[in-house]
Amino acid sequence: MNNMSQYGYNFDESFVPGHDKIYNLLVELYGNPEFTKTKDTDTLSIYMTKTSCLLINECRYLIAGVPKDNNQVGKKLNLNQLEWTNFQTRLLKGRYDCSVCVNQPKSIHLPLELHTRTDKYTEYVNNEYLIKVSLLHNKTNNLYEHPNSGDLVAALEMYQTIISF
């Protein structure tokens, strides 16, 4: 039997230092906005905040998917309270009943390198922060809609972005 406790405390195996870095970076970048729980799926609870509306029927949203929790729809939590497994910036049609935040992202440079191209998205990685950043394609069958490298803040500002671990 392997008893690691003789060498000190056992750490939660899901703890990854890069995850804390990206959580803290996004809290700093967006000023720790308030999110509202909008729904549950089979495995996730979805929290959203609205940043700005461009047209009557389209708004920009920050979306955090967390492991399904017991909070009621409508529960409000700040970004630093959400241990999300995916974070999205999206331009969505329709209106969602959620918090509103003032979006003034700070200038933080976090380089992204090309990982994968598909007909639906281009995926980038940052090995320091241990993240994958997917940019959804707006155009059909345009494999090269996005460049070979980029920056996290620029990707987030496109509002067709999904960050995952």
N, C-alpha and C. Protein backbone atom coordinates (compact mmCIF):
# COMPACT_ATOMS: atom_id res chain seq x y z
N MET A 1 0.85 -1.19 0.00
CA MET A 1 0.00 0.00 0.00
C MET A 1 0.89 1.24 0.00
N ASN A 2 0.61 2.16 -0.88
CA ASN A 2 1.40 3.38 -0.99
C ASN A 2 0.76 4.46 -0.14
N ASN A 3 1.36 4.81 0.96
CA ASN A 3 0.81 5.83 1.86
C ASN A 3 1.65 7.09 1.76
N MET A 4 1.22 8.02 0.91
CA MET A 4 1.97 9.25 0.69
C MET A 4 1.88 10.20 1.88
N SER A 5 0.93 9.97 2.80
CA SER A 5 0.78 10.89 3.92
C SER A 5 1.99 10.88 4.83
N GLN A 6 2.82 9.83 4.77
CA GLN A 6 4.03 9.81 5.59
C GLN A 6 5.02 10.88 5.12
N TYR A 7 4.85 11.35 3.88
CA TYR A 7 5.75 12.37 3.33
C TYR A 7 5.15 13.77 3.41
N GLY A 8 4.00 13.91 3.97
CA GLY A 8 3.34 15.21 4.07
C GLY A 8 1.88 15.08 3.69
N TYR A 9 1.25 16.20 3.44
CA TYR A 9 -0.18 16.21 3.13
C TYR A 9 -0.44 15.75 1.71
N ASN A 10 -1.54 15.04 1.52
CA ASN A 10 -1.99 14.71 0.18
C ASN A 10 -2.68 15.93 -0.40
N PHE A 11 -2.34 16.28 -1.64
CA PHE A 11 -2.99 17.38 -2.31
C PHE A 11 -4.13 16.83 -3.16
N ASP A 12 -5.14 17.64 -3.35
CA ASP A 12 -6.23 17.29 -4.23
C ASP A 12 -5.64 17.04 -5.62
N GLU A 13 -5.87 15.87 -6.19
CA GLU A 13 -5.28 15.53 -7.47
C GLU A 13 -5.79 16.43 -8.60
N SER A 14 -6.92 17.10 -8.41
CA SER A 14 -7.43 17.98 -9.45
C SER A 14 -6.76 19.35 -9.42
N PHE A 15 -5.96 19.63 -8.38
CA PHE A 15 -5.28 20.92 -8.29
C PHE A 15 -4.17 21.00 -9.33
N VAL A 16 -4.24 22.01 -10.17
CA VAL A 16 -3.20 22.25 -11.16
C VAL A 16 -2.82 23.72 -11.05
N PRO A 17 -1.54 24.02 -10.75
CA PRO A 17 -1.14 25.42 -10.55
C PRO A 17 -1.51 26.35 -11.70
N GLY A 18 -1.43 25.89 -12.93
CA GLY A 18 -1.77 26.73 -14.07
C GLY A 18 -3.22 27.17 -14.06
N HIS A 19 -4.11 26.34 -13.49
CA HIS A 19 -5.52 26.69 -13.43
C HIS A 19 -5.72 27.91 -12.54
N ASP A 20 -5.07 27.93 -11.38
CA ASP A 20 -5.19 29.10 -10.50
C ASP A 20 -4.67 30.35 -11.19
N LYS A 21 -3.62 30.21 -11.98
CA LYS A 21 -3.07 31.37 -12.70
C LYS A 21 -4.11 31.96 -13.65
N ILE A 22 -4.79 31.10 -14.41
CA ILE A 22 -5.76 31.61 -15.37
C ILE A 22 -7.01 32.12 -14.68
N TYR A 23 -7.45 31.47 -13.59
CA TYR A 23 -8.58 32.00 -12.81
C TYR A 23 -8.26 33.42 -12.36
N ASN A 24 -7.10 33.62 -11.75
CA ASN A 24 -6.71 34.93 -11.23
C ASN A 24 -6.52 35.94 -12.35
N LEU A 25 -5.98 35.52 -13.48
CA LEU A 25 -5.79 36.41 -14.61
C LEU A 25 -7.12 36.95 -15.12
N LEU A 26 -8.12 36.07 -15.25
CA LEU A 26 -9.42 36.53 -15.76
C LEU A 26 -10.16 37.39 -14.74
N VAL A 27 -10.00 37.09 -13.45
CA VAL A 27 -10.58 37.95 -12.41
C VAL A 27 -9.97 39.36 -12.52
N GLU A 28 -8.65 39.43 -12.69
CA GLU A 28 -7.98 40.73 -12.83
C GLU A 28 -8.39 41.41 -14.13
N LEU A 29 -8.43 40.65 -15.20
CA LEU A 29 -8.74 41.20 -16.51
C LEU A 29 -10.12 41.84 -16.57
N TYR A 30 -11.12 41.19 -15.96
CA TYR A 30 -12.50 41.68 -16.03
C TYR A 30 -12.97 42.38 -14.77
N GLY A 31 -12.12 42.51 -13.76
CA GLY A 31 -12.52 43.23 -12.54
C GLY A 31 -13.46 42.45 -11.66
N ASN A 32 -13.39 41.11 -11.68
CA ASN A 32 -14.18 40.24 -10.81
C ASN A 32 -15.69 40.54 -10.88
N PRO A 33 -16.27 40.45 -12.07
CA PRO A 33 -17.69 40.79 -12.22
C PRO A 33 -18.61 39.77 -11.55
N GLU A 34 -19.85 40.21 -11.32
CA GLU A 34 -20.88 39.35 -10.77
C GLU A 34 -21.52 38.55 -11.90
N PHE A 35 -21.68 37.25 -11.69
CA PHE A 35 -22.33 36.35 -12.64
C PHE A 35 -23.63 35.85 -12.03
N THR A 36 -24.59 35.50 -12.87
CA THR A 36 -25.87 34.95 -12.44
C THR A 36 -26.01 33.54 -12.99
N LYS A 37 -26.43 32.61 -12.13
CA LYS A 37 -26.69 31.26 -12.62
C LYS A 37 -27.93 31.30 -13.49
N THR A 38 -27.80 30.81 -14.73
CA THR A 38 -28.90 30.87 -15.68
C THR A 38 -29.53 29.51 -15.96
N LYS A 39 -28.75 28.42 -15.78
CA LYS A 39 -29.34 27.10 -16.02
C LYS A 39 -28.39 26.00 -15.58
N ASP A 40 -28.93 24.78 -15.54
CA ASP A 40 -28.16 23.56 -15.30
C ASP A 40 -28.28 22.67 -16.51
N THR A 41 -27.20 21.96 -16.83
CA THR A 41 -27.25 20.87 -17.81
C THR A 41 -27.05 19.59 -17.02
N ASP A 42 -26.86 18.49 -17.70
CA ASP A 42 -26.63 17.23 -16.98
C ASP A 42 -25.38 17.28 -16.12
N THR A 43 -24.34 17.99 -16.58
CA THR A 43 -23.06 17.98 -15.86
C THR A 43 -22.56 19.35 -15.44
N LEU A 44 -23.17 20.42 -15.96
CA LEU A 44 -22.67 21.77 -15.70
C LEU A 44 -23.76 22.69 -15.16
N SER A 45 -23.32 23.67 -14.40
CA SER A 45 -24.15 24.82 -14.06
C SER A 45 -23.56 25.99 -14.85
N ILE A 46 -24.44 26.77 -15.48
CA ILE A 46 -24.01 27.86 -16.34
C ILE A 46 -24.27 29.19 -15.65
N TYR A 47 -23.22 30.01 -15.55
CA TYR A 47 -23.29 31.35 -14.98
C TYR A 47 -22.93 32.35 -16.08
N MET A 48 -23.67 33.47 -16.11
CA MET A 48 -23.45 34.45 -17.17
C MET A 48 -23.48 35.87 -16.62
N THR A 49 -22.79 36.75 -17.35
CA THR A 49 -22.93 38.19 -17.13
C THR A 49 -22.90 38.85 -18.51
N LYS A 50 -23.68 39.89 -18.66
CA LYS A 50 -23.77 40.62 -19.93
C LYS A 50 -22.78 41.77 -19.89
N THR A 51 -22.03 41.97 -20.99
CA THR A 51 -21.06 43.07 -21.01
C THR A 51 -21.54 44.26 -21.82
N SER A 52 -22.05 44.04 -23.02
CA SER A 52 -22.57 45.15 -23.81
C SER A 52 -23.43 44.60 -24.93
N CYS A 53 -24.34 45.44 -25.41
CA CYS A 53 -25.21 45.05 -26.51
C CYS A 53 -24.80 45.83 -27.74
N LEU A 54 -24.71 45.12 -28.85
CA LEU A 54 -24.33 45.77 -30.10
C LEU A 54 -25.56 46.15 -30.92
N LEU A 55 -26.52 45.27 -30.94
CA LEU A 55 -27.75 45.50 -31.68
C LEU A 55 -28.92 45.22 -30.75
N ILE A 56 -30.11 45.43 -31.21
CA ILE A 56 -31.29 45.21 -30.39
C ILE A 56 -31.39 43.76 -29.94
N ASN A 57 -31.01 42.81 -30.82
CA ASN A 57 -31.20 41.41 -30.49
C ASN A 57 -29.89 40.64 -30.23
N GLU A 58 -28.75 41.31 -30.13
CA GLU A 58 -27.48 40.65 -29.86
C GLU A 58 -26.74 41.35 -28.72
N CYS A 59 -26.23 40.54 -27.79
CA CYS A 59 -25.44 41.09 -26.68
C CYS A 59 -24.18 40.26 -26.51
N ARG A 60 -23.20 40.85 -25.87
CA ARG A 60 -21.95 40.17 -25.53
C ARG A 60 -22.07 39.63 -24.11
N TYR A 61 -21.65 38.38 -23.94
CA TYR A 61 -21.75 37.72 -22.64
C TYR A 61 -20.43 37.07 -22.26
N LEU A 62 -20.17 37.05 -20.96
CA LEU A 62 -19.13 36.21 -20.37
C LEU A 62 -19.88 35.03 -19.77
N ILE A 63 -19.41 33.83 -20.03
CA ILE A 63 -20.10 32.61 -19.59
C ILE A 63 -19.10 31.71 -18.89
N ALA A 64 -19.47 31.23 -17.71
CA ALA A 64 -18.63 30.30 -16.96
C ALA A 64 -19.40 29.02 -16.73
N GLY A 65 -18.84 27.90 -17.18
CA GLY A 65 -19.44 26.59 -16.93
C GLY A 65 -18.70 25.94 -15.77
N VAL A 66 -19.43 25.63 -14.70
CA VAL A 66 -18.83 25.01 -13.52
C VAL A 66 -19.44 23.62 -13.35
N PRO A 67 -18.74 22.70 -12.65
CA PRO A 67 -19.37 21.41 -12.38
C PRO A 67 -20.73 21.65 -11.71
N LYS A 68 -21.72 20.87 -12.11
CA LYS A 68 -23.10 21.09 -11.65
C LYS A 68 -23.15 21.27 -10.13
N ASP A 69 -23.81 22.36 -9.71
CA ASP A 69 -23.90 22.67 -8.28
C ASP A 69 -25.35 22.67 -7.83
N ASN A 70 -25.57 22.93 -6.55
CA ASN A 70 -26.92 22.91 -5.99
C ASN A 70 -27.53 24.30 -5.87
N ASN A 71 -26.86 25.33 -6.37
CA ASN A 71 -27.40 26.69 -6.30
C ASN A 71 -28.64 26.81 -7.19
N GLN A 72 -29.56 27.65 -6.77
CA GLN A 72 -30.76 27.92 -7.55
C GLN A 72 -30.44 28.80 -8.75
N VAL A 73 -31.18 28.64 -9.83
CA VAL A 73 -31.08 29.56 -10.96
C VAL A 73 -31.38 30.95 -10.42
N GLY A 74 -30.58 31.92 -10.79
CA GLY A 74 -30.71 33.28 -10.28
C GLY A 74 -29.67 33.62 -9.22
N LYS A 75 -28.98 32.63 -8.68
CA LYS A 75 -27.93 32.86 -7.68
C LYS A 75 -26.82 33.70 -8.30
N LYS A 76 -26.36 34.70 -7.55
CA LYS A 76 -25.31 35.59 -8.03
C LYS A 76 -24.00 35.32 -7.29
N LEU A 77 -22.93 35.15 -8.05
CA LEU A 77 -21.59 34.93 -7.51
C LEU A 77 -20.59 35.71 -8.35
N ASN A 78 -19.52 36.16 -7.71
CA ASN A 78 -18.46 36.83 -8.44
C ASN A 78 -17.58 35.80 -9.13
N LEU A 79 -16.88 36.24 -10.18
CA LEU A 79 -16.04 35.34 -10.96
C LEU A 79 -15.03 34.60 -10.09
N ASN A 80 -14.49 35.26 -9.05
CA ASN A 80 -13.49 34.59 -8.21
C ASN A 80 -14.09 33.49 -7.35
N GLN A 81 -15.41 33.35 -7.34
CA GLN A 81 -16.09 32.29 -6.59
C GLN A 81 -16.46 31.10 -7.47
N LEU A 82 -16.19 31.21 -8.76
CA LEU A 82 -16.58 30.17 -9.72
C LEU A 82 -15.35 29.39 -10.17
N GLU A 83 -15.30 28.12 -9.84
CA GLU A 83 -14.21 27.26 -10.31
C GLU A 83 -14.64 26.63 -11.62
N TRP A 84 -14.61 27.44 -12.66
CA TRP A 84 -15.12 27.04 -13.96
C TRP A 84 -14.20 26.01 -14.63
N THR A 85 -14.82 25.21 -15.47
CA THR A 85 -14.06 24.27 -16.30
C THR A 85 -13.99 24.76 -17.74
N ASN A 86 -14.91 25.66 -18.11
CA ASN A 86 -14.78 26.37 -19.38
C ASN A 86 -15.32 27.78 -19.20
N PHE A 87 -14.68 28.71 -19.88
CA PHE A 87 -15.02 30.12 -19.81
C PHE A 87 -15.18 30.60 -21.24
N GLN A 88 -16.26 31.32 -21.50
CA GLN A 88 -16.53 31.76 -22.87
C GLN A 88 -16.82 33.25 -22.92
N THR A 89 -16.43 33.86 -24.02
CA THR A 89 -16.92 35.19 -24.38
C THR A 89 -17.69 34.97 -25.68
N ARG A 90 -18.98 35.35 -25.68
CA ARG A 90 -19.82 35.03 -26.83
C ARG A 90 -20.75 36.18 -27.16
N LEU A 91 -20.99 36.36 -28.43
CA LEU A 91 -22.01 37.26 -28.94
C LEU A 91 -23.23 36.39 -29.21
N LEU A 92 -24.32 36.61 -28.46
CA LEU A 92 -25.50 35.75 -28.55
C LEU A 92 -26.74 36.55 -28.92
N LYS A 93 -27.59 35.92 -29.70
CA LYS A 93 -28.89 36.52 -30.02
C LYS A 93 -29.82 36.31 -28.84
N GLY A 94 -30.74 37.22 -28.65
CA GLY A 94 -31.69 37.12 -27.56
C GLY A 94 -31.14 37.73 -26.29
N ARG A 95 -31.95 37.70 -25.27
CA ARG A 95 -31.59 38.30 -23.97
C ARG A 95 -31.63 37.23 -22.90
N TYR A 96 -30.67 37.27 -21.99
CA TYR A 96 -30.61 36.34 -20.87
C TYR A 96 -30.75 37.13 -19.59
N ASP A 97 -31.49 36.61 -18.65
CA ASP A 97 -31.71 37.26 -17.37
C ASP A 97 -30.48 37.03 -16.50
N CYS A 98 -29.56 37.99 -16.53
CA CYS A 98 -28.31 37.83 -15.79
C CYS A 98 -27.76 39.20 -15.40
N SER A 99 -26.71 39.16 -14.63
CA SER A 99 -26.02 40.37 -14.17
C SER A 99 -25.45 41.12 -15.38
N VAL A 100 -25.16 42.40 -15.16
CA VAL A 100 -24.53 43.23 -16.19
C VAL A 100 -23.23 43.77 -15.60
N CYS A 101 -22.16 43.71 -16.40
CA CYS A 101 -20.89 44.25 -15.92
C CYS A 101 -20.34 45.25 -16.93
N VAL A 102 -19.50 46.13 -16.46
CA VAL A 102 -18.81 47.06 -17.33
C VAL A 102 -17.53 46.36 -17.77
N ASN A 103 -17.41 46.14 -19.05
CA ASN A 103 -16.27 45.41 -19.57
C ASN A 103 -15.18 46.37 -19.99
N GLN A 104 -14.13 46.45 -19.17
CA GLN A 104 -12.96 47.24 -19.51
C GLN A 104 -11.72 46.40 -19.26
N PRO A 105 -11.49 45.40 -20.14
CA PRO A 105 -10.36 44.52 -19.89
C PRO A 105 -9.05 45.28 -19.88
N LYS A 106 -8.19 44.86 -18.99
CA LYS A 106 -6.86 45.45 -18.88
C LYS A 106 -5.98 44.87 -19.97
N SER A 107 -4.89 45.52 -20.23
CA SER A 107 -3.96 45.04 -21.23
C SER A 107 -2.98 44.06 -20.57
N ILE A 108 -3.19 42.78 -20.85
CA ILE A 108 -2.33 41.73 -20.34
C ILE A 108 -1.91 40.89 -21.53
N HIS A 109 -0.62 40.66 -21.69
CA HIS A 109 -0.15 39.88 -22.83
C HIS A 109 0.03 38.42 -22.42
N LEU A 110 -0.71 37.55 -23.09
CA LEU A 110 -0.58 36.10 -22.87
C LEU A 110 -0.60 35.46 -24.25
N PRO A 111 0.58 35.05 -24.75
CA PRO A 111 0.66 34.53 -26.11
C PRO A 111 -0.05 33.19 -26.28
N LEU A 112 -0.60 32.99 -27.48
CA LEU A 112 -1.27 31.74 -27.85
C LEU A 112 -0.62 31.21 -29.11
N GLU A 113 -0.41 29.89 -29.15
CA GLU A 113 0.17 29.24 -30.31
C GLU A 113 -0.82 28.24 -30.90
N LEU A 114 -0.85 28.16 -32.21
CA LEU A 114 -1.76 27.27 -32.92
C LEU A 114 -1.57 25.83 -32.48
N HIS A 115 -2.69 25.15 -32.23
CA HIS A 115 -2.67 23.73 -31.88
C HIS A 115 -3.40 22.90 -32.95
N THR A 116 -4.64 23.31 -33.31
CA THR A 116 -5.48 22.54 -34.22
C THR A 116 -6.36 23.47 -35.04
N ARG A 117 -6.60 23.10 -36.28
CA ARG A 117 -7.58 23.80 -37.12
C ARG A 117 -8.64 22.80 -37.56
N THR A 118 -9.91 23.20 -37.45
CA THR A 118 -11.00 22.40 -38.02
C THR A 118 -11.86 23.36 -38.83
N ASP A 119 -12.89 22.84 -39.47
CA ASP A 119 -13.77 23.72 -40.25
C ASP A 119 -14.67 24.56 -39.36
N LYS A 120 -14.76 24.23 -38.05
CA LYS A 120 -15.64 24.97 -37.13
C LYS A 120 -14.90 25.88 -36.17
N TYR A 121 -13.63 25.59 -35.86
CA TYR A 121 -12.87 26.40 -34.90
C TYR A 121 -11.37 26.25 -35.12
N THR A 122 -10.63 27.20 -34.58
CA THR A 122 -9.17 27.14 -34.51
C THR A 122 -8.81 27.10 -33.05
N GLU A 123 -7.98 26.13 -32.66
CA GLU A 123 -7.63 25.95 -31.25
C GLU A 123 -6.17 26.33 -31.02
N TYR A 124 -5.95 27.09 -29.95
CA TYR A 124 -4.62 27.54 -29.55
C TYR A 124 -4.32 26.99 -28.16
N VAL A 125 -3.05 26.99 -27.79
CA VAL A 125 -2.64 26.58 -26.45
C VAL A 125 -1.68 27.62 -25.88
N ASN A 126 -1.65 27.65 -24.56
CA ASN A 126 -0.63 28.37 -23.82
C ASN A 126 -0.14 27.40 -22.76
N ASN A 127 1.10 26.95 -22.90
CA ASN A 127 1.63 25.92 -22.01
C ASN A 127 1.92 26.41 -20.61
N GLU A 128 2.19 27.70 -20.43
CA GLU A 128 2.43 28.23 -19.09
C GLU A 128 1.15 28.18 -18.26
N TYR A 129 0.03 28.53 -18.86
CA TYR A 129 -1.25 28.56 -18.14
C TYR A 129 -2.06 27.29 -18.32
N LEU A 130 -1.53 26.36 -19.12
CA LEU A 130 -2.16 25.05 -19.32
C LEU A 130 -3.60 25.17 -19.80
N ILE A 131 -3.83 26.03 -20.80
CA ILE A 131 -5.17 26.24 -21.32
C ILE A 131 -5.23 25.98 -22.82
N LYS A 132 -6.45 25.70 -23.27
CA LYS A 132 -6.77 25.65 -24.69
C LYS A 132 -7.75 26.78 -24.95
N VAL A 133 -7.54 27.51 -26.02
CA VAL A 133 -8.42 28.60 -26.40
C VAL A 133 -8.92 28.32 -27.80
N SER A 134 -10.24 28.16 -27.93
CA SER A 134 -10.85 27.89 -29.23
C SER A 134 -11.55 29.14 -29.73
N LEU A 135 -11.25 29.52 -30.97
CA LEU A 135 -11.96 30.61 -31.63
C LEU A 135 -12.90 29.99 -32.66
N LEU A 136 -14.19 30.23 -32.47
CA LEU A 136 -15.20 29.69 -33.38
C LEU A 136 -15.12 30.43 -34.71
N HIS A 137 -15.37 29.73 -35.79
CA HIS A 137 -15.34 30.34 -37.11
C HIS A 137 -16.69 30.95 -37.44
N ASN A 138 -16.67 32.14 -38.02
CA ASN A 138 -17.89 32.80 -38.48
C ASN A 138 -18.25 32.37 -39.89
N LYS A 139 -17.23 32.06 -40.66
CA LYS A 139 -17.44 31.73 -42.07
C LYS A 139 -17.41 30.22 -42.25
N THR A 140 -18.26 29.73 -43.12
CA THR A 140 -18.32 28.30 -43.39
C THR A 140 -17.12 27.86 -44.23
N ASN A 141 -16.54 26.74 -43.85
CA ASN A 141 -15.42 26.14 -44.58
C ASN A 141 -14.25 27.09 -44.80
N ASN A 142 -13.95 27.91 -43.80
CA ASN A 142 -12.80 28.80 -43.89
C ASN A 142 -11.78 28.35 -42.84
N LEU A 143 -10.97 27.40 -43.20
CA LEU A 143 -10.00 26.79 -42.29
C LEU A 143 -9.01 27.82 -41.75
N TYR A 144 -8.73 28.86 -42.52
CA TYR A 144 -7.70 29.84 -42.13
C TYR A 144 -8.29 31.19 -41.74
N GLU A 145 -9.44 31.17 -41.09
CA GLU A 145 -10.10 32.40 -40.65
C GLU A 145 -9.27 33.12 -39.57
N HIS A 146 -8.53 32.35 -38.77
CA HIS A 146 -7.74 32.92 -37.68
C HIS A 146 -6.25 32.64 -37.90
N PRO A 147 -5.37 33.51 -37.38
CA PRO A 147 -3.93 33.38 -37.62
C PRO A 147 -3.29 32.20 -36.86
N ASN A 148 -2.01 31.99 -37.12
CA ASN A 148 -1.26 30.89 -36.49
C ASN A 148 -0.90 31.16 -35.04
N SER A 149 -0.88 32.39 -34.62
CA SER A 149 -0.58 32.73 -33.22
C SER A 149 -1.43 33.93 -32.85
N GLY A 150 -1.48 34.20 -31.55
CA GLY A 150 -2.29 35.32 -31.11
C GLY A 150 -2.05 35.65 -29.66
N ASP A 151 -3.02 36.35 -29.09
CA ASP A 151 -2.94 36.83 -27.72
C ASP A 151 -4.29 36.58 -27.06
N LEU A 152 -4.28 36.21 -25.79
CA LEU A 152 -5.52 35.88 -25.09
C LEU A 152 -6.51 37.04 -25.07
N VAL A 153 -6.07 38.24 -24.75
CA VAL A 153 -7.00 39.38 -24.66
C VAL A 153 -7.65 39.64 -26.02
N ALA A 154 -6.86 39.58 -27.09
CA ALA A 154 -7.42 39.78 -28.43
C ALA A 154 -8.44 38.68 -28.75
N ALA A 155 -8.14 37.46 -28.36
CA ALA A 155 -9.08 36.35 -28.59
C ALA A 155 -10.37 36.56 -27.82
N LEU A 156 -10.27 36.95 -26.55
CA LEU A 156 -11.47 37.18 -25.74
C LEU A 156 -12.33 38.29 -26.32
N GLU A 157 -11.71 39.31 -26.87
CA GLU A 157 -12.45 40.45 -27.42
C GLU A 157 -13.19 40.10 -28.71
N MET A 158 -12.93 38.94 -29.28
CA MET A 158 -13.65 38.53 -30.49
C MET A 158 -15.05 38.03 -30.16
N TYR A 159 -15.30 37.66 -28.92
CA TYR A 159 -16.61 37.18 -28.45
C TYR A 159 -17.11 35.98 -29.26
N GLN A 160 -16.16 35.10 -29.58
CA GLN A 160 -16.46 33.80 -30.17
C GLN A 160 -15.41 32.80 -29.64
N THR A 161 -15.16 32.95 -28.32
CA THR A 161 -14.01 32.32 -27.69
C THR A 161 -14.43 31.39 -26.56
N ILE A 162 -13.76 30.22 -26.50
CA ILE A 162 -13.98 29.26 -25.43
C ILE A 162 -12.62 28.88 -24.85
N ILE A 163 -12.47 29.04 -23.53
CA ILE A 163 -11.24 28.63 -22.84
C ILE A 163 -11.56 27.37 -22.05
N SER A 164 -10.69 26.38 -22.15
CA SER A 164 -10.86 25.15 -21.37
C SER A 164 -9.50 24.63 -20.95
N PHE A 165 -9.54 23.72 -19.99
CA PHE A 165 -8.30 23.13 -19.49
C PHE A 165 -8.04 21.81 -20.18
